[in-house]
Amino acid sequence: MDLNNHPCFNKKAHHQFGRVHLPVAPRCNIQCKFCNRQFDCVNESRPGVTSAILSPAQAMVYLEEVLRQKPNISVVGIAGPGDPFANAAQTLETLRRVRMHYPEMMLCVATNGLNVAPYLDELAELKVSHVTVTVNAVDPKIGAEIYSWMRIDKRVKRAEEGAEILLRRQLETIKGLKARGILVKVNSIIIPGINEDHIEKVARHMKTLDVDIFNSMPYYPNSGSEFEHLEEPSAETVHAIRKAAGRHVRQMRHCTRCRSDAVGLLGEAPSQGLMTALKNCQHLEVLEPKGKKVSHRPYVAVTSLEGVLVNQHLGEAYQVLIYGEKDGRIGLIEARPAPDPGSGMARWKEFAAILSDCRAILVSGVGGNPKKVLSDSGMEVIECEGVIDEAVRAVFAGESLSHMAVRRPFSCGAGCSGNQMGCG
């Protein structure tokens, strides 16, 4: 493992050695005002977008194909499309698998730094050699202008309070990484009218932490974000800021604002073959630890009272919402009528037939008989409550839904016979 072969940390290496980002981290714990994360936007080249979300097992299948086609890959990184440590279980499992199967591969992570501290020792044990931390401000007042909110210890923080906590944790993260011999790059996004006059101060502070390289990264306008009205900083502005920041920390000047599924040399046009392989891998049925399989079925079914939340018992459903990939995005495909009630076990067998192309069904409650029939048909029956979009994305990403688990028993009324035959 030659640490000088990282194309982002060493400009001389970026013409010869490539990187691959494995998109296994969909959730984020911060809402930046400049960000609108379109997970499956295939036409944009910027952080926060990807054409697919993979489970750790699927990511290994994809990585094998990447290395077959591009043997000059020197780095495997995880850069989202959310934050790796808002998805710590998936991130660390993927890193463990890569280290086991490719022991000489460099491992790299890009993060906002909010939730890294609990995992510093594990990163060192896995021999993660390079970490990028995005630090956009070292003044909470400026930070409050950049972030709408952040989820800290299961609570939402806003304004200067949240920005101050974020900064403290970012500095702790950088110190912890350097103490463990891990190379650190800091990204600071140049946001016109917000922090463009503050970047040099960030770089000066990073010098005191012995940061290895600093990336003064120009803001990219994102439609749908709070800052969508801002224009990209001019080349002259970027050059001046990099020159000022360069007085304190060595500058990265060859950044290409990589996607979360970037692969190949920096600046290299995406390989259509690998993009297809990436999309195909998200539907693979792969054997996971303890025998669990990732299904190849393309859809997820949901029962809902109003189409926003998973909040309906299966026995009460008159229709089932079907989610899957459509026009390159995960979204609602259609609504399918549920079988008429009153037929007992036959109803659940008909349900299984109607949903035979669904890998999972999300419900707020389900009886024993329907759960067995649907499970025996190859479908995962998940009892949960919460926002449909979040739950569906978690299923497609192979994530746990334990944080959305139903906390109360379902009660269908005083007249329930309790025979587990369902409400039909």
Protein backbone atom coordinates (compact mmCIF):
# COMPACT_ATOMS: atom_id res chain seq x y z
CA MET A 1 0.00 0.00 0.00
CA ASP A 2 1.61 3.24 -1.17
CA LEU A 3 -0.15 6.18 0.51
CA ASN A 4 1.23 8.50 -2.18
CA ASN A 5 -1.04 6.84 -4.74
CA HIS A 6 -4.20 8.53 -3.49
CA PRO A 7 -5.34 10.69 -6.44
CA CYS A 8 -7.03 13.33 -4.24
CA PHE A 9 -4.19 13.79 -1.76
CA ASN A 10 -1.39 13.67 -4.36
CA LYS A 11 -1.76 15.64 -7.60
CA LYS A 12 0.98 13.61 -9.27
CA ALA A 13 -1.04 10.41 -8.75
CA HIS A 14 -4.37 11.52 -10.20
CA HIS A 15 -3.41 10.90 -13.83
CA GLN A 16 -2.34 7.34 -13.08
CA PHE A 17 -4.41 6.01 -10.19
CA GLY A 18 -8.19 5.98 -9.83
CA ARG A 19 -10.71 5.73 -7.02
CA VAL A 20 -14.13 4.20 -6.58
CA HIS A 21 -16.82 5.48 -4.24
CA LEU A 22 -19.21 2.84 -2.93
CA PRO A 23 -22.66 4.44 -2.33
CA VAL A 24 -23.72 2.62 0.83
CA ALA A 25 -24.57 5.62 3.06
CA PRO A 26 -27.87 7.26 2.04
CA ARG A 27 -28.87 9.07 5.26
CA CYS A 28 -27.47 12.42 6.35
CA ASN A 29 -27.45 14.02 9.80
CA ILE A 30 -27.10 17.61 8.57
CA GLN A 31 -29.17 19.71 6.20
CA CYS A 32 -26.86 22.12 4.42
CA LYS A 33 -28.53 25.08 2.76
CA PHE A 34 -26.50 24.53 -0.40
CA CYS A 35 -27.43 20.84 -0.74
CA ASN A 36 -30.31 19.08 -2.44
CA ARG A 37 -29.35 15.42 -2.49
CA GLN A 38 -30.77 13.70 -5.56
CA PHE A 39 -29.64 10.11 -4.93
CA ASP A 40 -30.34 8.93 -8.43
CA CYS A 41 -29.65 11.93 -10.64
CA VAL A 42 -27.53 10.51 -13.46
CA ASN A 43 -26.91 13.83 -15.20
CA GLU A 44 -25.06 15.69 -12.46
CA SER A 45 -21.48 15.38 -11.34
CA ARG A 46 -21.36 16.67 -7.77
CA PRO A 47 -21.23 15.31 -4.23
CA GLY A 48 -24.46 13.90 -2.86
CA VAL A 49 -25.74 12.19 -6.01
CA THR A 50 -25.61 8.56 -7.07
CA SER A 51 -27.40 6.28 -9.50
CA ALA A 52 -27.96 3.54 -6.92
CA ILE A 53 -27.76 2.69 -3.23
CA LEU A 54 -26.00 -0.58 -2.39
CA SER A 55 -25.86 -2.81 0.64
CA PRO A 56 -22.36 -3.80 1.82
CA ALA A 57 -22.76 -7.22 0.16
CA GLN A 58 -23.92 -5.69 -3.12
CA ALA A 59 -21.06 -3.18 -2.94
CA MET A 60 -18.54 -6.03 -2.91
CA VAL A 61 -20.02 -7.55 -6.05
CA TYR A 62 -19.85 -4.15 -7.73
CA LEU A 63 -16.27 -3.56 -6.52
CA GLU A 64 -15.15 -6.86 -8.02
CA GLU A 65 -16.48 -5.74 -11.41
CA VAL A 66 -14.88 -2.30 -11.05
CA LEU A 67 -11.46 -3.80 -10.36
CA ARG A 68 -11.85 -6.18 -13.27
CA GLN A 69 -12.46 -3.29 -15.65
CA LYS A 70 -10.17 -0.73 -13.97
CA PRO A 71 -7.18 -2.42 -12.30
CA ASN A 72 -5.57 0.99 -11.63
CA ILE A 73 -8.01 1.71 -8.79
CA SER A 74 -5.88 2.47 -5.72
CA VAL A 75 -8.55 3.76 -3.32
CA VAL A 76 -11.95 2.56 -2.19
CA GLY A 77 -13.89 5.40 -0.60
CA ILE A 78 -17.27 6.02 0.98
CA ALA A 79 -18.62 9.51 0.43
CA GLY A 80 -22.36 9.22 0.79
CA PRO A 81 -24.66 10.15 -0.78
CA GLY A 82 -25.46 11.07 2.85
CA ASP A 83 -22.84 11.02 5.57
CA PRO A 84 -20.92 7.78 6.21
CA PHE A 85 -21.32 8.10 9.98
CA ALA A 86 -25.03 8.75 9.81
CA ASN A 87 -24.89 5.22 8.36
CA ALA A 88 -22.09 3.90 10.54
CA ALA A 89 -23.12 0.22 10.46
CA GLN A 90 -23.20 0.09 6.65
CA THR A 91 -20.03 2.14 6.31
CA LEU A 92 -17.95 0.07 8.72
CA GLU A 93 -19.28 -3.25 7.40
CA THR A 94 -18.31 -2.22 3.87
CA LEU A 95 -14.85 -1.13 4.99
CA ARG A 96 -14.37 -4.41 6.85
CA ARG A 97 -15.27 -6.42 3.77
CA VAL A 98 -12.96 -4.43 1.52
CA ARG A 99 -10.08 -4.77 3.97
CA MET A 100 -10.65 -8.53 4.23
CA HIS A 101 -10.81 -9.19 0.50
CA TYR A 102 -8.37 -6.51 -0.71
CA PRO A 103 -5.84 -6.09 2.14
CA GLU A 104 -3.55 -3.78 0.15
CA MET A 105 -6.29 -1.37 -0.93
CA MET A 106 -6.28 2.14 0.50
CA LEU A 107 -9.50 3.00 2.34
CA CYS A 108 -10.89 6.52 2.43
CA VAL A 109 -13.94 8.22 3.94
CA ALA A 110 -15.44 11.69 3.41
CA THR A 111 -17.58 13.07 6.24
CA ASN A 112 -19.01 16.19 7.83
CA GLY A 113 -17.33 15.11 11.07
CA LEU A 114 -20.43 15.27 13.26
CA ASN A 115 -20.52 11.63 14.34
CA VAL A 116 -17.02 10.26 13.71
CA ALA A 117 -15.56 10.30 17.25
CA PRO A 118 -17.12 7.00 18.45
CA TYR A 119 -15.53 5.18 15.51
CA LEU A 120 -11.99 6.59 15.50
CA ASP A 121 -10.39 3.48 16.96
CA GLU A 122 -12.23 1.22 14.53
CA LEU A 123 -11.12 3.34 11.58
CA ALA A 124 -7.54 2.95 12.76
CA GLU A 125 -7.95 -0.81 13.23
CA LEU A 126 -9.29 -1.08 9.68
CA LYS A 127 -6.26 0.88 8.47
CA VAL A 128 -8.33 3.63 6.91
CA SER A 129 -5.51 5.81 5.66
CA HIS A 130 -7.26 8.98 4.42
CA VAL A 131 -10.25 10.91 5.74
CA THR A 132 -11.79 14.08 4.34
CA VAL A 133 -13.70 16.34 6.74
CA THR A 134 -15.80 19.21 5.41
CA VAL A 135 -15.39 22.30 7.59
CA ASN A 136 -17.17 25.32 6.15
CA ALA A 137 -16.76 27.66 9.12
CA VAL A 138 -14.84 28.04 12.38
CA ASP A 139 -17.26 30.71 13.58
CA PRO A 140 -20.68 29.40 14.73
CA LYS A 141 -22.34 32.61 13.53
CA ILE A 142 -21.22 31.86 9.99
CA GLY A 143 -21.99 28.18 10.43
CA ALA A 144 -25.56 29.09 11.38
CA GLU A 145 -25.94 30.74 7.96
CA ILE A 146 -24.81 27.56 6.19
CA TYR A 147 -26.77 24.79 7.96
CA SER A 148 -30.56 24.58 8.38
CA TRP A 149 -30.39 21.89 11.06
CA MET A 150 -28.39 18.94 12.31
CA ARG A 151 -29.41 15.81 14.17
CA ILE A 152 -27.26 15.50 17.28
CA ASP A 153 -27.81 12.63 19.72
CA LYS A 154 -31.33 12.09 18.32
CA ARG A 155 -32.25 15.77 18.78
CA VAL A 156 -32.51 18.43 16.09
CA LYS A 157 -30.32 21.47 16.69
CA ARG A 158 -30.44 24.70 14.74
CA ALA A 159 -28.71 28.04 14.37
CA GLU A 160 -25.58 28.85 16.37
CA GLU A 161 -26.19 26.13 18.96
CA GLY A 162 -26.00 23.40 16.34
CA ALA A 163 -23.12 25.05 14.47
CA GLU A 164 -21.10 25.32 17.68
CA ILE A 165 -21.59 21.64 18.51
CA LEU A 166 -20.72 20.66 14.94
CA LEU A 167 -17.51 22.69 14.99
CA ARG A 168 -16.45 21.22 18.34
CA ARG A 169 -16.98 17.68 17.06
CA GLN A 170 -15.21 18.42 13.77
CA LEU A 171 -12.13 19.66 15.62
CA GLU A 172 -12.22 16.63 17.95
CA THR A 173 -12.48 14.36 14.90
CA ILE A 174 -9.51 15.93 13.16
CA LYS A 175 -7.39 15.76 16.30
CA GLY A 176 -8.38 12.12 16.83
CA LEU A 177 -7.58 11.18 13.25
CA LYS A 178 -4.17 12.84 13.33
CA ALA A 179 -3.38 11.22 16.70
CA ARG A 180 -3.97 7.83 15.04
CA GLY A 181 -1.72 8.57 12.08
CA ILE A 182 -4.54 9.03 9.56
CA LEU A 183 -4.02 11.59 6.79
CA VAL A 184 -6.62 14.37 6.84
CA LYS A 185 -7.94 16.55 4.05
CA VAL A 186 -10.30 19.39 4.89
CA ASN A 187 -12.86 20.62 2.37
CA SER A 188 -14.23 24.14 2.72
CA ILE A 189 -16.98 25.06 0.27
CA ILE A 190 -16.70 28.62 -1.00
CA ILE A 191 -20.23 30.04 -0.73
CA PRO A 192 -20.53 33.55 -2.22
CA GLY A 193 -21.77 36.14 0.25
CA ILE A 194 -21.65 33.65 3.13
CA ASN A 195 -18.13 32.44 3.89
CA GLU A 196 -15.93 33.50 0.97
CA ASP A 197 -14.08 35.95 3.23
CA HIS A 198 -13.83 33.34 5.98
CA ILE A 199 -12.04 30.49 4.16
CA GLU A 200 -8.54 31.74 4.97
CA LYS A 201 -9.45 31.80 8.67
CA VAL A 202 -10.61 28.18 8.38
CA ALA A 203 -7.30 27.25 6.73
CA ARG A 204 -5.33 29.08 9.43
CA HIS A 205 -7.15 27.09 12.11
CA MET A 206 -6.58 23.83 10.23
CA LYS A 207 -2.85 24.55 10.20
CA THR A 208 -2.85 24.41 14.01
CA LEU A 209 -4.31 20.89 13.75
CA ASP A 210 -1.61 19.76 11.31
CA VAL A 211 -4.12 19.05 8.51
CA ASP A 212 -2.32 17.51 5.52
CA ILE A 213 -4.15 19.18 2.62
CA PHE A 214 -6.91 21.75 2.20
CA ASN A 215 -9.50 21.94 -0.58
CA SER A 216 -11.07 25.36 -1.17
CA MET A 217 -13.99 23.92 -3.08
CA PRO A 218 -16.25 26.21 -5.14
CA TYR A 219 -19.97 26.07 -4.39
CA TYR A 220 -22.06 24.36 -7.06
CA PRO A 221 -25.62 25.72 -7.54
CA ASN A 222 -28.21 23.07 -6.69
CA SER A 223 -31.78 23.50 -7.84
CA GLY A 224 -34.20 23.03 -4.96
CA SER A 225 -31.71 24.01 -2.26
CA GLU A 226 -32.10 27.08 -0.06
CA PHE A 227 -29.06 28.62 -1.77
CA GLU A 228 -30.20 27.84 -5.32
CA HIS A 229 -30.24 31.58 -6.11
CA LEU A 230 -26.49 31.92 -5.49
CA GLU A 231 -24.11 31.85 -8.43
CA GLU A 232 -20.99 29.73 -8.57
CA PRO A 233 -17.92 31.72 -7.48
CA SER A 234 -15.78 32.98 -10.33
CA ALA A 235 -12.48 31.37 -11.22
CA GLU A 236 -10.73 34.56 -10.13
CA THR A 237 -12.38 34.41 -6.70
CA VAL A 238 -11.48 30.76 -6.26
CA HIS A 239 -7.88 31.42 -7.28
CA ALA A 240 -7.55 34.30 -4.81
CA ILE A 241 -9.03 32.29 -1.95
CA ARG A 242 -6.80 29.31 -2.67
CA LYS A 243 -3.76 31.56 -2.75
CA ALA A 244 -4.68 33.05 0.64
CA ALA A 245 -5.52 29.68 2.19
CA GLY A 246 -2.33 28.24 0.70
CA ARG A 247 -0.27 30.42 3.00
CA HIS A 248 -1.37 28.11 5.81
CA VAL A 249 -2.10 24.64 4.38
CA ARG A 250 -1.10 22.94 1.14
CA GLN A 251 -3.92 23.32 -1.36
CA MET A 252 -5.68 20.71 -3.48
CA ARG A 253 -6.21 22.33 -6.88
CA HIS A 254 -7.36 19.37 -8.96
CA CYS A 255 -10.69 18.54 -7.25
CA THR A 256 -13.47 17.44 -9.61
CA ARG A 257 -16.37 17.52 -7.09
CA CYS A 258 -16.88 13.77 -7.27
CA ARG A 259 -20.23 12.02 -7.16
CA SER A 260 -20.97 9.50 -4.44
CA ASP A 261 -20.63 6.74 -7.04
CA ALA A 262 -17.55 8.16 -8.80
CA VAL A 263 -15.22 5.62 -10.37
CA GLY A 264 -11.98 5.85 -12.36
CA LEU A 265 -9.51 8.69 -12.75
CA LEU A 266 -10.42 12.15 -11.47
CA GLY A 267 -12.23 13.97 -14.28
CA GLU A 268 -12.69 10.81 -16.32
CA ALA A 269 -16.06 10.50 -18.06
CA PRO A 270 -18.34 7.96 -16.34
CA SER A 271 -18.20 4.44 -17.77
CA GLN A 272 -21.65 3.52 -19.02
CA GLY A 273 -20.80 -0.13 -18.50
CA LEU A 274 -19.97 0.44 -14.84
CA MET A 275 -23.01 2.67 -14.35
CA THR A 276 -25.15 -0.20 -15.62
CA ALA A 277 -23.30 -2.65 -13.36
CA LEU A 278 -23.94 -0.33 -10.39
CA LYS A 279 -27.66 -0.20 -11.09
CA ASN A 280 -27.84 -3.93 -11.62
CA CYS A 281 -26.05 -4.64 -8.35
CA GLN A 282 -28.71 -2.86 -6.30
CA HIS A 283 -31.17 -5.59 -7.35
CA LEU A 284 -28.85 -8.52 -6.75
CA GLU A 285 -29.79 -11.28 -4.37
CA VAL A 286 -26.63 -11.64 -2.31
CA LEU A 287 -26.11 -13.87 0.70
CA GLU A 288 -25.53 -11.70 3.76
CA PRO A 289 -24.05 -12.80 7.10
CA LYS A 290 -26.34 -15.17 9.07
CA GLY A 291 -27.95 -16.31 5.84
CA LYS A 292 -30.02 -13.22 5.12
CA LYS A 293 -30.47 -12.47 1.44
CA VAL A 294 -30.77 -9.17 -0.37
CA SER A 295 -33.69 -9.71 -2.71
CA HIS A 296 -33.60 -9.11 -6.46
CA ARG A 297 -37.32 -8.24 -6.49
CA PRO A 298 -37.65 -4.66 -7.77
CA TYR A 299 -40.46 -3.27 -5.58
CA VAL A 300 -41.43 -2.51 -1.98
CA ALA A 301 -45.08 -2.50 -0.87
CA VAL A 302 -46.50 -0.13 1.74
CA THR A 303 -49.81 0.20 3.57
CA SER A 304 -50.76 3.77 4.43
CA LEU A 305 -53.84 5.74 5.43
CA GLU A 306 -52.91 8.90 3.52
CA GLY A 307 -49.86 8.07 1.38
CA VAL A 308 -47.27 9.86 3.53
CA LEU A 309 -46.71 7.59 6.53
CA VAL A 310 -46.46 3.85 7.11
CA ASN A 311 -49.41 3.78 9.51
CA GLN A 312 -51.94 1.15 8.44
CA HIS A 313 -52.52 -2.42 9.62
CA LEU A 314 -52.43 -4.90 6.74
CA GLY A 315 -55.88 -6.25 7.61
CA GLU A 316 -57.41 -2.79 7.15
CA ALA A 317 -55.75 -2.00 3.82
CA TYR A 318 -58.00 -1.55 0.79
CA GLN A 319 -54.98 -0.83 -1.39
CA VAL A 320 -51.20 -1.28 -1.30
CA LEU A 321 -48.75 1.37 -2.50
CA ILE A 322 -45.90 0.06 -4.66
CA TYR A 323 -42.50 1.78 -4.64
CA GLY A 324 -39.56 1.18 -6.95
CA GLU A 325 -37.25 2.74 -9.51
CA LYS A 326 -38.93 4.89 -12.13
CA ASP A 327 -37.11 7.24 -14.52
CA GLY A 328 -33.93 6.82 -12.48
CA ARG A 329 -35.57 7.64 -9.13
CA ILE A 330 -37.00 5.67 -6.23
CA GLY A 331 -40.65 6.67 -5.90
CA LEU A 332 -44.28 5.63 -6.05
CA ILE A 333 -44.98 3.34 -9.01
CA GLU A 334 -48.67 2.55 -8.52
CA ALA A 335 -51.42 1.62 -6.08
CA ARG A 336 -52.74 -1.95 -6.26
CA PRO A 337 -56.17 -2.92 -4.89
CA ALA A 338 -56.08 -5.29 -1.94
CA PRO A 339 -58.07 -8.54 -2.10
CA ASP A 340 -61.57 -8.29 -0.68
CA PRO A 341 -61.89 -9.25 3.01
CA GLY A 342 -63.88 -12.22 4.19
CA SER A 343 -62.03 -15.13 2.62
CA GLY A 344 -59.66 -15.99 5.48
CA MET A 345 -56.39 -17.64 4.45
CA ALA A 346 -57.29 -17.40 0.77
CA ARG A 347 -57.06 -13.62 1.07
CA TRP A 348 -53.45 -13.74 2.22
CA LYS A 349 -52.46 -16.16 -0.55
CA GLU A 350 -54.03 -13.76 -3.04
CA PHE A 351 -52.09 -10.94 -1.37
CA ALA A 352 -48.87 -12.92 -1.87
CA ALA A 353 -49.66 -13.40 -5.56
CA ILE A 354 -50.47 -9.72 -6.08
CA LEU A 355 -47.17 -8.73 -4.40
CA SER A 356 -44.95 -11.45 -5.88
CA ASP A 357 -42.61 -8.82 -7.35
CA CYS A 358 -42.10 -7.06 -3.99
CA ARG A 359 -39.08 -7.75 -1.82
CA ALA A 360 -40.76 -6.36 1.30
CA ILE A 361 -44.01 -4.97 2.63
CA LEU A 362 -44.07 -2.19 5.24
CA VAL A 363 -47.07 -2.19 7.58
CA SER A 364 -47.89 -0.78 11.00
CA GLY A 365 -49.35 -4.12 12.08
CA VAL A 366 -50.00 -7.63 10.76
CA GLY A 367 -51.53 -10.85 12.03
CA GLY A 368 -49.68 -14.12 12.42
CA ASN A 369 -51.26 -15.94 9.48
CA PRO A 370 -50.76 -13.23 6.84
CA LYS A 371 -47.20 -12.68 8.06
CA LYS A 372 -46.41 -16.38 7.61
CA VAL A 373 -48.03 -16.60 4.18
CA LEU A 374 -46.24 -13.51 2.87
CA SER A 375 -42.90 -14.52 4.43
CA ASP A 376 -43.18 -18.02 2.93
CA SER A 377 -43.70 -16.41 -0.47
CA GLY A 378 -40.24 -14.79 -0.22
CA MET A 379 -41.32 -11.35 0.98
CA GLU A 380 -39.97 -9.64 4.10
CA VAL A 381 -42.78 -8.37 6.32
CA ILE A 382 -41.64 -5.31 8.28
CA GLU A 383 -43.71 -3.71 11.01
CA CYS A 384 -42.74 -0.08 11.32
CA GLU A 385 -44.11 3.44 11.53
CA GLY A 386 -42.84 6.67 10.04
CA VAL A 387 -42.30 8.54 6.80
CA ILE A 388 -42.72 6.28 3.77
CA ASP A 389 -39.83 7.76 1.77
CA GLU A 390 -37.35 7.22 4.60
CA ALA A 391 -38.52 3.66 5.22
CA VAL A 392 -38.53 2.67 1.55
CA ARG A 393 -35.05 4.09 0.94
CA ALA A 394 -33.79 2.16 3.95
CA VAL A 395 -35.14 -1.10 2.52
CA PHE A 396 -33.54 -0.52 -0.86
CA ALA A 397 -30.27 0.37 0.89
CA GLY A 398 -30.35 -2.79 3.01
CA GLU A 399 -30.51 -0.76 6.24
CA SER A 400 -32.10 -1.64 9.54
CA LEU A 401 -35.50 -0.13 10.32
CA SER A 402 -35.18 -0.72 14.06
CA HIS A 403 -35.45 3.03 14.71
CA MET A 404 -38.91 2.96 13.08
CA ALA A 405 -40.16 -0.17 14.81
CA VAL A 406 -43.73 -0.14 16.11
CA ARG A 407 -43.67 0.52 19.85
CA ARG A 408 -47.30 -0.30 20.64
CA PRO A 409 -49.51 -3.33 19.90
CA PHE A 410 -52.19 -3.05 17.25
CA SER A 411 -55.76 -3.13 18.50
CA CYS A 412 -58.54 -3.54 16.00
CA GLY A 413 -61.38 -2.98 18.41
CA ALA A 414 -63.35 -4.60 21.19
CA GLY A 415 -65.05 -6.95 18.81
CA CYS A 416 -61.84 -8.66 17.63
CA SER A 417 -62.02 -12.44 17.89
CA GLY A 418 -58.28 -12.71 18.35
CA ASN A 419 -58.00 -15.78 16.10
CA GLN A 420 -55.20 -14.26 13.97
CA MET A 421 -57.21 -14.80 10.79
CA GLY A 422 -56.89 -11.12 9.98
CA CYS A 423 -59.57 -8.49 9.62
CA GLY A 424 -60.99 -10.27 6.57
